[in-house]
Amino acid sequence: MIRQIFTEILLFCIPFAVYAVFLFATRKGVLHPEAWNMRVLGWLTAAALLLMIGGFAYLAQHSGHPVGMNYIPPHMENGKLIPGQFK
């Protein structure tokens, strides 16, 4: 679960990091307040939210078990631990 949370946080931070690299490459001043005005921050936030929604949709579609399979939790059989599995 923690990996999925970090993935979404990373997806949110990507547009801001790319913009900071762009400012650094063009020598416009990454720390200059005029480079980070509200219009730019609005567009970056919108892009970040779109990336997060896409990440959520991807994880929802491509994680978990196949449809129609039932989870059998770990159990003991004849003194041996049988790991959980989908059947």
PDB file of N, CA and C in Angstrom:
ATOM      1  N   MET A   1       0.818  -1.193   0.000  1.00  0.00           N
ATOM      2  CA  MET A   1       0.000   0.000   0.000  1.00  0.00           C
ATOM      3  C   MET A   1       0.863   1.258   0.000  1.00  0.00           C
ATOM      4  N   ILE A   2       1.952   1.236   0.756  1.00  0.00           N
ATOM      5  CA  ILE A   2       2.809   2.418   0.839  1.00  0.00           C
ATOM      6  C   ILE A   2       3.455   2.710  -0.517  1.00  0.00           C
ATOM      7  N   ARG A   3       3.730   1.660  -1.298  1.00  0.00           N
ATOM      8  CA  ARG A   3       4.324   1.847  -2.619  1.00  0.00           C
ATOM      9  C   ARG A   3       3.354   2.591  -3.525  1.00  0.00           C
ATOM     10  N   GLN A   4       2.076   2.279  -3.457  1.00  0.00           N
ATOM     11  CA  GLN A   4       1.083   2.961  -4.283  1.00  0.00           C
ATOM     12  C   GLN A   4       0.946   4.430  -3.879  1.00  0.00           C
ATOM     13  N   ILE A   5       1.034   4.702  -2.604  1.00  0.00           N
ATOM     14  CA  ILE A   5       0.959   6.091  -2.139  1.00  0.00           C
ATOM     15  C   ILE A   5       2.165   6.884  -2.641  1.00  0.00           C
ATOM     16  N   PHE A   6       3.358   6.301  -2.528  1.00  0.00           N
ATOM     17  CA  PHE A   6       4.556   6.988  -3.021  1.00  0.00           C
ATOM     18  C   PHE A   6       4.505   7.172  -4.534  1.00  0.00           C
ATOM     19  N   THR A   7       3.922   6.214  -5.251  1.00  0.00           N
ATOM     20  CA  THR A   7       3.779   6.348  -6.695  1.00  0.00           C
ATOM     21  C   THR A   7       2.910   7.548  -7.040  1.00  0.00           C
ATOM     22  N   GLU A   8       1.801   7.719  -6.335  1.00  0.00           N
ATOM     23  CA  GLU A   8       0.911   8.842  -6.605  1.00  0.00           C
ATOM     24  C   GLU A   8       1.560  10.172  -6.226  1.00  0.00           C
ATOM     25  N   ILE A   9       2.308  10.188  -5.130  1.00  0.00           N
ATOM     26  CA  ILE A   9       3.022  11.416  -4.743  1.00  0.00           C
ATOM     27  C   ILE A   9       4.058  11.772  -5.804  1.00  0.00           C
ATOM     28  N   LEU A  10       4.775  10.775  -6.303  1.00  0.00           N
ATOM     29  CA  LEU A  10       5.765  11.007  -7.354  1.00  0.00           C
ATOM     30  C   LEU A  10       5.095  11.530  -8.624  1.00  0.00           C
ATOM     31  N   LEU A  11       3.961  10.937  -9.006  1.00  0.00           N
ATOM     32  CA  LEU A  11       3.243  11.420 -10.186  1.00  0.00           C
ATOM     33  C   LEU A  11       2.801  12.864 -10.014  1.00  0.00           C
ATOM     34  N   PHE A  12       2.421  13.250  -8.803  1.00  0.00           N
ATOM     35  CA  PHE A  12       2.016  14.637  -8.557  1.00  0.00           C
ATOM     36  C   PHE A  12       3.206  15.591  -8.678  1.00  0.00           C
ATOM     37  N   CYS A  13       4.385  15.152  -8.259  1.00  0.00           N
ATOM     38  CA  CYS A  13       5.566  16.032  -8.244  1.00  0.00           C
ATOM     39  C   CYS A  13       6.249  16.168  -9.598  1.00  0.00           C
ATOM     40  N   ILE A  14       5.996  15.262 -10.531  1.00  0.00           N
ATOM     41  CA  ILE A  14       6.696  15.270 -11.816  1.00  0.00           C
ATOM     42  C   ILE A  14       6.555  16.592 -12.577  1.00  0.00           C
ATOM     43  N   PRO A  15       5.359  17.156 -12.776  1.00  0.00           N
ATOM     44  CA  PRO A  15       5.281  18.413 -13.546  1.00  0.00           C
ATOM     45  C   PRO A  15       6.077  19.562 -12.918  1.00  0.00           C
ATOM     46  N   PHE A  16       6.077  19.646 -11.592  1.00  0.00           N
ATOM     47  CA  PHE A  16       6.821  20.712 -10.916  1.00  0.00           C
ATOM     48  C   PHE A  16       8.328  20.513 -11.090  1.00  0.00           C
ATOM     49  N   ALA A  17       8.778  19.274 -11.023  1.00  0.00           N
ATOM     50  CA  ALA A  17      10.204  18.989 -11.210  1.00  0.00           C
ATOM     51  C   ALA A  17      10.632  19.280 -12.644  1.00  0.00           C
ATOM     52  N   VAL A  18       9.808  18.912 -13.612  1.00  0.00           N
ATOM     53  CA  VAL A  18      10.141  19.178 -15.020  1.00  0.00           C
ATOM     54  C   VAL A  18      10.212  20.685 -15.269  1.00  0.00           C
ATOM     55  N   TYR A  19       9.288  21.440 -14.698  1.00  0.00           N
ATOM     56  CA  TYR A  19       9.312  22.898 -14.855  1.00  0.00           C
ATOM     57  C   TYR A  19      10.553  23.495 -14.192  1.00  0.00           C
ATOM     58  N   ALA A  20      10.935  22.982 -13.027  1.00  0.00           N
ATOM     59  CA  ALA A  20      12.141  23.472 -12.353  1.00  0.00           C
ATOM     60  C   ALA A  20      13.384  23.180 -13.194  1.00  0.00           C
ATOM     61  N   VAL A  21      13.445  22.008 -13.811  1.00  0.00           N
ATOM     62  CA  VAL A  21      14.571  21.680 -14.696  1.00  0.00           C
ATOM     63  C   VAL A  21      14.574  22.611 -15.909  1.00  0.00           C
ATOM     64  N   PHE A  22      13.390  22.889 -16.448  1.00  0.00           N
ATOM     65  CA  PHE A  22      13.284  23.830 -17.572  1.00  0.00           C
ATOM     66  C   PHE A  22      13.811  25.209 -17.178  1.00  0.00           C
ATOM     67  N   LEU A  23      13.408  25.698 -16.015  1.00  0.00           N
ATOM     68  CA  LEU A  23      13.896  27.007 -15.562  1.00  0.00           C
ATOM     69  C   LEU A  23      15.401  26.999 -15.362  1.00  0.00           C
ATOM     70  N   PHE A  24      15.912  25.913 -14.806  1.00  0.00           N
ATOM     71  CA  PHE A  24      17.353  25.813 -14.591  1.00  0.00           C
ATOM     72  C   PHE A  24      18.091  25.790 -15.927  1.00  0.00           C
ATOM     73  N   ALA A  25      17.562  25.043 -16.898  1.00  0.00           N
ATOM     74  CA  ALA A  25      18.222  24.922 -18.204  1.00  0.00           C
ATOM     75  C   ALA A  25      18.193  26.241 -18.970  1.00  0.00           C
ATOM     76  N   THR A  26      17.146  27.019 -18.808  1.00  0.00           N
ATOM     77  CA  THR A  26      17.067  28.294 -19.518  1.00  0.00           C
ATOM     78  C   THR A  26      17.640  29.446 -18.707  1.00  0.00           C
ATOM     79  N   ARG A  27      18.154  29.151 -17.539  1.00  0.00           N
ATOM     80  CA  ARG A  27      18.783  30.129 -16.651  1.00  0.00           C
ATOM     81  C   ARG A  27      17.835  31.278 -16.292  1.00  0.00           C
ATOM     82  N   LYS A  28      16.576  30.951 -16.074  1.00  0.00           N
ATOM     83  CA  LYS A  28      15.574  31.957 -15.720  1.00  0.00           C
ATOM     84  C   LYS A  28      15.468  32.166 -14.219  1.00  0.00           C
ATOM     85  N   GLY A  29      16.079  31.327 -13.431  1.00  0.00           N
ATOM     86  CA  GLY A  29      16.021  31.478 -11.986  1.00  0.00           C
ATOM     87  C   GLY A  29      14.953  30.602 -11.372  1.00  0.00           C
ATOM     88  N   VAL A  30      15.349  29.434 -10.934  1.00  0.00           N
ATOM     89  CA  VAL A  30      14.407  28.477 -10.359  1.00  0.00           C
ATOM     90  C   VAL A  30      13.781  29.032  -9.086  1.00  0.00           C
ATOM     91  N   LEU A  31      14.525  29.769  -8.312  1.00  0.00           N
ATOM     92  CA  LEU A  31      14.024  30.272  -7.037  1.00  0.00           C
ATOM     93  C   LEU A  31      13.399  31.663  -7.147  1.00  0.00           C
ATOM     94  N   HIS A  32      13.349  32.199  -8.333  1.00  0.00           N
ATOM     95  CA  HIS A  32      12.781  33.539  -8.525  1.00  0.00           C
ATOM     96  C   HIS A  32      11.256  33.441  -8.458  1.00  0.00           C
ATOM     97  N   PRO A  33      10.610  34.232  -7.597  1.00  0.00           N
ATOM     98  CA  PRO A  33       9.145  34.126  -7.419  1.00  0.00           C
ATOM     99  C   PRO A  33       8.330  34.416  -8.679  1.00  0.00           C
ATOM    100  N   GLU A  34       8.845  35.249  -9.578  1.00  0.00           N
ATOM    101  CA  GLU A  34       8.086  35.571 -10.789  1.00  0.00           C
ATOM    102  C   GLU A  34       7.983  34.377 -11.738  1.00  0.00           C
ATOM    103  N   ALA A  35       8.924  33.440 -11.647  1.00  0.00           N
ATOM    104  CA  ALA A  35       8.875  32.250 -12.499  1.00  0.00           C
ATOM    105  C   ALA A  35       7.795  31.275 -12.037  1.00  0.00           C
ATOM    106  N   TRP A  36       7.353  31.410 -10.800  1.00  0.00           N
ATOM    107  CA  TRP A  36       6.361  30.496 -10.225  1.00  0.00           C
ATOM    108  C   TRP A  36       5.061  31.254  -9.923  1.00  0.00           C
ATOM    109  N   ASN A  37       4.558  32.014 -10.892  1.00  0.00           N
ATOM    110  CA  ASN A  37       3.335  32.779 -10.658  1.00  0.00           C
ATOM    111  C   ASN A  37       2.121  31.847 -10.586  1.00  0.00           C
ATOM    112  N   MET A  38       0.978  32.426 -10.240  1.00  0.00           N
ATOM    113  CA  MET A  38      -0.229  31.618 -10.017  1.00  0.00           C
ATOM    114  C   MET A  38      -0.724  30.923 -11.289  1.00  0.00           C
ATOM    115  N   ARG A  39      -0.562  31.560 -12.423  1.00  0.00           N
ATOM    116  CA  ARG A  39      -1.003  30.934 -13.676  1.00  0.00           C
ATOM    117  C   ARG A  39      -0.196  29.674 -13.965  1.00  0.00           C
ATOM    118  N   VAL A  40       1.112  29.758 -13.816  1.00  0.00           N
ATOM    119  CA  VAL A  40       1.979  28.600 -14.036  1.00  0.00           C
ATOM    120  C   VAL A  40       1.674  27.510 -13.013  1.00  0.00           C
ATOM    121  N   LEU A  41       1.529  27.895 -11.759  1.00  0.00           N
ATOM    122  CA  LEU A  41       1.214  26.907 -10.728  1.00  0.00           C
ATOM    123  C   LEU A  41      -0.133  26.240 -10.980  1.00  0.00           C
ATOM    124  N   GLY A  42      -1.089  26.983 -11.501  1.00  0.00           N
ATOM    125  CA  GLY A  42      -2.392  26.398 -11.832  1.00  0.00           C
ATOM    126  C   GLY A  42      -2.278  25.333 -12.912  1.00  0.00           C
ATOM    127  N   TRP A  43      -1.529  25.643 -13.975  1.00  0.00           N
ATOM    128  CA  TRP A  43      -1.337  24.662 -15.041  1.00  0.00           C
ATOM    129  C   TRP A  43      -0.554  23.448 -14.555  1.00  0.00           C
ATOM    130  N   LEU A  44       0.459  23.677 -13.757  1.00  0.00           N
ATOM    131  CA  LEU A  44       1.235  22.547 -13.233  1.00  0.00           C
ATOM    132  C   LEU A  44       0.389  21.675 -12.312  1.00  0.00           C
ATOM    133  N   THR A  45      -0.449  22.291 -11.496  1.00  0.00           N
ATOM    134  CA  THR A  45      -1.323  21.527 -10.609  1.00  0.00           C
ATOM    135  C   THR A  45      -2.338  20.720 -11.413  1.00  0.00           C
ATOM    136  N   ALA A  46      -2.896  21.315 -12.469  1.00  0.00           N
ATOM    137  CA  ALA A  46      -3.839  20.583 -13.320  1.00  0.00           C
ATOM    138  C   ALA A  46      -3.156  19.390 -13.980  1.00  0.00           C
ATOM    139  N   ALA A  47      -1.941  19.583 -14.474  1.00  0.00           N
ATOM    140  CA  ALA A  47      -1.203  18.468 -15.078  1.00  0.00           C
ATOM    141  C   ALA A  47      -0.901  17.397 -14.043  1.00  0.00           C
ATOM    142  N   ALA A  48      -0.540  17.815 -12.839  1.00  0.00           N
ATOM    143  CA  ALA A  48      -0.239  16.855 -11.778  1.00  0.00           C
ATOM    144  C   ALA A  48      -1.473  16.043 -11.407  1.00  0.00           C
ATOM    145  N   LEU A  49      -2.619  16.704 -11.316  1.00  0.00           N
ATOM    146  CA  LEU A  49      -3.851  15.983 -10.985  1.00  0.00           C
ATOM    147  C   LEU A  49      -4.245  15.012 -12.090  1.00  0.00           C
ATOM    148  N   LEU A  50      -4.040  15.391 -13.349  1.00  0.00           N
ATOM    149  CA  LEU A  50      -4.315  14.471 -14.448  1.00  0.00           C
ATOM    150  C   LEU A  50      -3.406  13.247 -14.391  1.00  0.00           C
ATOM    151  N   LEU A  51      -2.131  13.462 -14.073  1.00  0.00           N
ATOM    152  CA  LEU A  51      -1.216  12.324 -13.926  1.00  0.00           C
ATOM    153  C   LEU A  51      -1.642  11.416 -12.779  1.00  0.00           C
ATOM    154  N   MET A  52      -2.077  12.006 -11.678  1.00  0.00           N
ATOM    155  CA  MET A  52      -2.522  11.198 -10.539  1.00  0.00           C
ATOM    156  C   MET A  52      -3.775  10.398 -10.882  1.00  0.00           C
ATOM    157  N   ILE A  53      -4.727  11.009 -11.553  1.00  0.00           N
ATOM    158  CA  ILE A  53      -5.944  10.297 -11.940  1.00  0.00           C
ATOM    159  C   ILE A  53      -5.595   9.151 -12.886  1.00  0.00           C
ATOM    160  N   GLY A  54      -4.699   9.412 -13.821  1.00  0.00           N
ATOM    161  CA  GLY A  54      -4.244   8.345 -14.716  1.00  0.00           C
ATOM    162  C   GLY A  54      -3.553   7.224 -13.966  1.00  0.00           C
ATOM    163  N   GLY A  55      -2.763   7.584 -12.963  1.00  0.00           N
ATOM    164  CA  GLY A  55      -2.096   6.562 -12.145  1.00  0.00           C
ATOM    165  C   GLY A  55      -3.084   5.732 -11.352  1.00  0.00           C
ATOM    166  N   PHE A  56      -4.086   6.391 -10.778  1.00  0.00           N
ATOM    167  CA  PHE A  56      -5.127   5.654 -10.056  1.00  0.00           C
ATOM    168  C   PHE A  56      -5.861   4.697 -10.987  1.00  0.00           C
ATOM    169  N   ALA A  57      -6.207   5.179 -12.186  1.00  0.00           N
ATOM    170  CA  ALA A  57      -6.927   4.333 -13.140  1.00  0.00           C
ATOM    171  C   ALA A  57      -6.072   3.140 -13.558  1.00  0.00           C
ATOM    172  N   TYR A  58      -4.786   3.377 -13.796  1.00  0.00           N
ATOM    173  CA  TYR A  58      -3.897   2.273 -14.188  1.00  0.00           C
ATOM    174  C   TYR A  58      -3.794   1.239 -13.067  1.00  0.00           C
ATOM    175  N   LEU A  59      -3.589   1.695 -11.838  1.00  0.00           N
ATOM    176  CA  LEU A  59      -3.483   0.759 -10.722  1.00  0.00           C
ATOM    177  C   LEU A  59      -4.776  -0.005 -10.495  1.00  0.00           C
ATOM    178  N   ALA A  60      -5.907   0.646 -10.700  1.00  0.00           N
ATOM    179  CA  ALA A  60      -7.189  -0.028 -10.518  1.00  0.00           C
ATOM    180  C   ALA A  60      -7.394  -1.120 -11.564  1.00  0.00           C
ATOM    181  N   GLN A  61      -6.923  -0.899 -12.774  1.00  0.00           N
ATOM    182  CA  GLN A  61      -7.123  -1.870 -13.844  1.00  0.00           C
ATOM    183  C   GLN A  61      -6.100  -2.990 -13.851  1.00  0.00           C
ATOM    184  N   HIS A  62      -4.874  -2.711 -13.415  1.00  0.00           N
ATOM    185  CA  HIS A  62      -3.792  -3.669 -13.580  1.00  0.00           C
ATOM    186  C   HIS A  62      -3.227  -4.210 -12.269  1.00  0.00           C
ATOM    187  N   SER A  63      -3.937  -4.068 -11.189  1.00  0.00           N
ATOM    188  CA  SER A  63      -3.476  -4.657  -9.934  1.00  0.00           C
ATOM    189  C   SER A  63      -4.602  -5.532  -9.390  1.00  0.00           C
ATOM    190  N   GLY A  64      -4.262  -6.388  -8.490  1.00  0.00           N
ATOM    191  CA  GLY A  64      -5.267  -7.284  -7.937  1.00  0.00           C
ATOM    192  C   GLY A  64      -5.246  -8.624  -8.635  1.00  0.00           C
ATOM    193  N   HIS A  65      -6.261  -9.378  -8.423  1.00  0.00           N
ATOM    194  CA  HIS A  65      -6.325 -10.728  -8.980  1.00  0.00           C
ATOM    195  C   HIS A  65      -7.267 -10.762 -10.180  1.00  0.00           C
ATOM    196  N   PRO A  66      -7.171 -11.810 -10.994  1.00  0.00           N
ATOM    197  CA  PRO A  66      -8.057 -11.923 -12.149  1.00  0.00           C
ATOM    198  C   PRO A  66      -9.527 -12.070 -11.727  1.00  0.00           C
ATOM    199  N   VAL A  67     -10.412 -11.626 -12.584  1.00  0.00           N
ATOM    200  CA  VAL A  67     -11.849 -11.697 -12.308  1.00  0.00           C
ATOM    201  C   VAL A  67     -12.281 -13.159 -12.243  1.00  0.00           C
ATOM    202  N   GLY A  68     -13.121 -13.478 -11.266  1.00  0.00           N
ATOM    203  CA  GLY A  68     -13.651 -14.836 -11.129  1.00  0.00           C
ATOM    204  C   GLY A  68     -12.798 -15.742 -10.262  1.00  0.00           C
ATOM    205  N   MET A  69     -11.668 -15.250  -9.784  1.00  0.00           N
ATOM    206  CA  MET A  69     -10.790 -16.064  -8.937  1.00  0.00           C
ATOM    207  C   MET A  69     -11.122 -15.767  -7.474  1.00  0.00           C
ATOM    208  N   ASN A  70     -11.030 -16.775  -6.643  1.00  0.00           N
ATOM    209  CA  ASN A  70     -11.257 -16.619  -5.210  1.00  0.00           C
ATOM    210  C   ASN A  70      -9.942 -16.737  -4.468  1.00  0.00           C
ATOM    211  N   TYR A  71      -9.781 -15.922  -3.433  1.00  0.00           N
ATOM    212  CA  TYR A  71      -8.570 -15.954  -2.615  1.00  0.00           C
ATOM    213  C   TYR A  71      -8.730 -16.978  -1.507  1.00  0.00           C
ATOM    214  N   ILE A  72      -7.754 -17.846  -1.398  1.00  0.00           N
ATOM    215  CA  ILE A  72      -7.710 -18.832  -0.315  1.00  0.00           C
ATOM    216  C   ILE A  72      -6.577 -18.400   0.607  1.00  0.00           C
ATOM    217  N   PRO A  73      -6.885 -18.016   1.841  1.00  0.00           N
ATOM    218  CA  PRO A  73      -5.849 -17.513   2.746  1.00  0.00           C
ATOM    219  C   PRO A  73      -4.877 -18.614   3.155  1.00  0.00           C
ATOM    220  N   PRO A  74      -3.716 -18.242   3.701  1.00  0.00           N
ATOM    221  CA  PRO A  74      -2.764 -19.250   4.172  1.00  0.00           C
ATOM    222  C   PRO A  74      -3.425 -20.144   5.225  1.00  0.00           C
ATOM    223  N   HIS A  75      -3.094 -21.421   5.166  1.00  0.00           N
ATOM    224  CA  HIS A  75      -3.665 -22.367   6.115  1.00  0.00           C
ATOM    225  C   HIS A  75      -2.704 -23.530   6.318  1.00  0.00           C
ATOM    226  N   MET A  76      -2.996 -24.343   7.318  1.00  0.00           N
ATOM    227  CA  MET A  76      -2.161 -25.504   7.641  1.00  0.00           C
ATOM    228  C   MET A  76      -2.827 -26.758   7.085  1.00  0.00           C
ATOM    229  N   GLU A  77      -2.034 -27.606   6.422  1.00  0.00           N
ATOM    230  CA  GLU A  77      -2.472 -28.924   5.966  1.00  0.00           C
ATOM    231  C   GLU A  77      -1.408 -29.934   6.350  1.00  0.00           C
ATOM    232  N   ASN A  78      -1.791 -30.895   7.171  1.00  0.00           N
ATOM    233  CA  ASN A  78      -0.869 -31.951   7.614  1.00  0.00           C
ATOM    234  C   ASN A  78       0.409 -31.375   8.225  1.00  0.00           C
ATOM    235  N   GLY A  79       0.271 -30.310   8.991  1.00  0.00           N
ATOM    236  CA  GLY A  79       1.423 -29.722   9.663  1.00  0.00           C
ATOM    237  C   GLY A  79       2.279 -28.834   8.772  1.00  0.00           C
ATOM    238  N   LYS A  80       1.877 -28.595   7.528  1.00  0.00           N
ATOM    239  CA  LYS A  80       2.640 -27.738   6.617  1.00  0.00           C
ATOM    240  C   LYS A  80       1.835 -26.471   6.340  1.00  0.00           C
ATOM    241  N   LEU A  81       2.533 -25.345   6.288  1.00  0.00           N
ATOM    242  CA  LEU A  81       1.890 -24.073   5.993  1.00  0.00           C
ATOM    243  C   LEU A  81       1.751 -23.928   4.479  1.00  0.00           C
ATOM    244  N   ILE A  82       0.535 -23.796   4.035  1.00  0.00           N
ATOM    245  CA  ILE A  82       0.242 -23.581   2.619  1.00  0.00           C
ATOM    246  C   ILE A  82       0.001 -22.087   2.434  1.00  0.00           C
ATOM    247  N   PRO A  83       0.785 -21.424   1.551  1.00  0.00           N
ATOM    248  CA  PRO A  83       0.629 -19.977   1.393  1.00  0.00           C
ATOM    249  C   PRO A  83      -0.705 -19.633   0.741  1.00  0.00           C
ATOM    250  N   GLY A  84      -1.119 -18.373   0.916  1.00  0.00           N
ATOM    251  CA  GLY A  84      -2.348 -17.905   0.291  1.00  0.00           C
ATOM    252  C   GLY A  84      -2.208 -17.912  -1.217  1.00  0.00           C
ATOM    253  N   GLN A  85      -3.333 -18.154  -1.882  1.00  0.00           N
ATOM    254  CA  GLN A  85      -3.305 -18.226  -3.351  1.00  0.00           C
ATOM    255  C   GLN A  85      -4.676 -17.919  -3.924  1.00  0.00           C
ATOM    256  N   PHE A  86      -4.701 -17.646  -5.217  1.00  0.00           N
ATOM    257  CA  PHE A  86      -5.962 -17.435  -5.929  1.00  0.00           C
ATOM    258  C   PHE A  86      -6.289 -18.693  -6.702  1.00  0.00           C
ATOM    259  N   LYS A  87      -7.538 -19.157  -6.584  1.00  0.00           N
ATOM    260  CA  LYS A  87      -7.991 -20.325  -7.353  1.00  0.00           C
ATOM    261  C   LYS A  87      -9.333 -20.029  -7.956  1.00  0.00           C
TER     262      LYS A  87
END
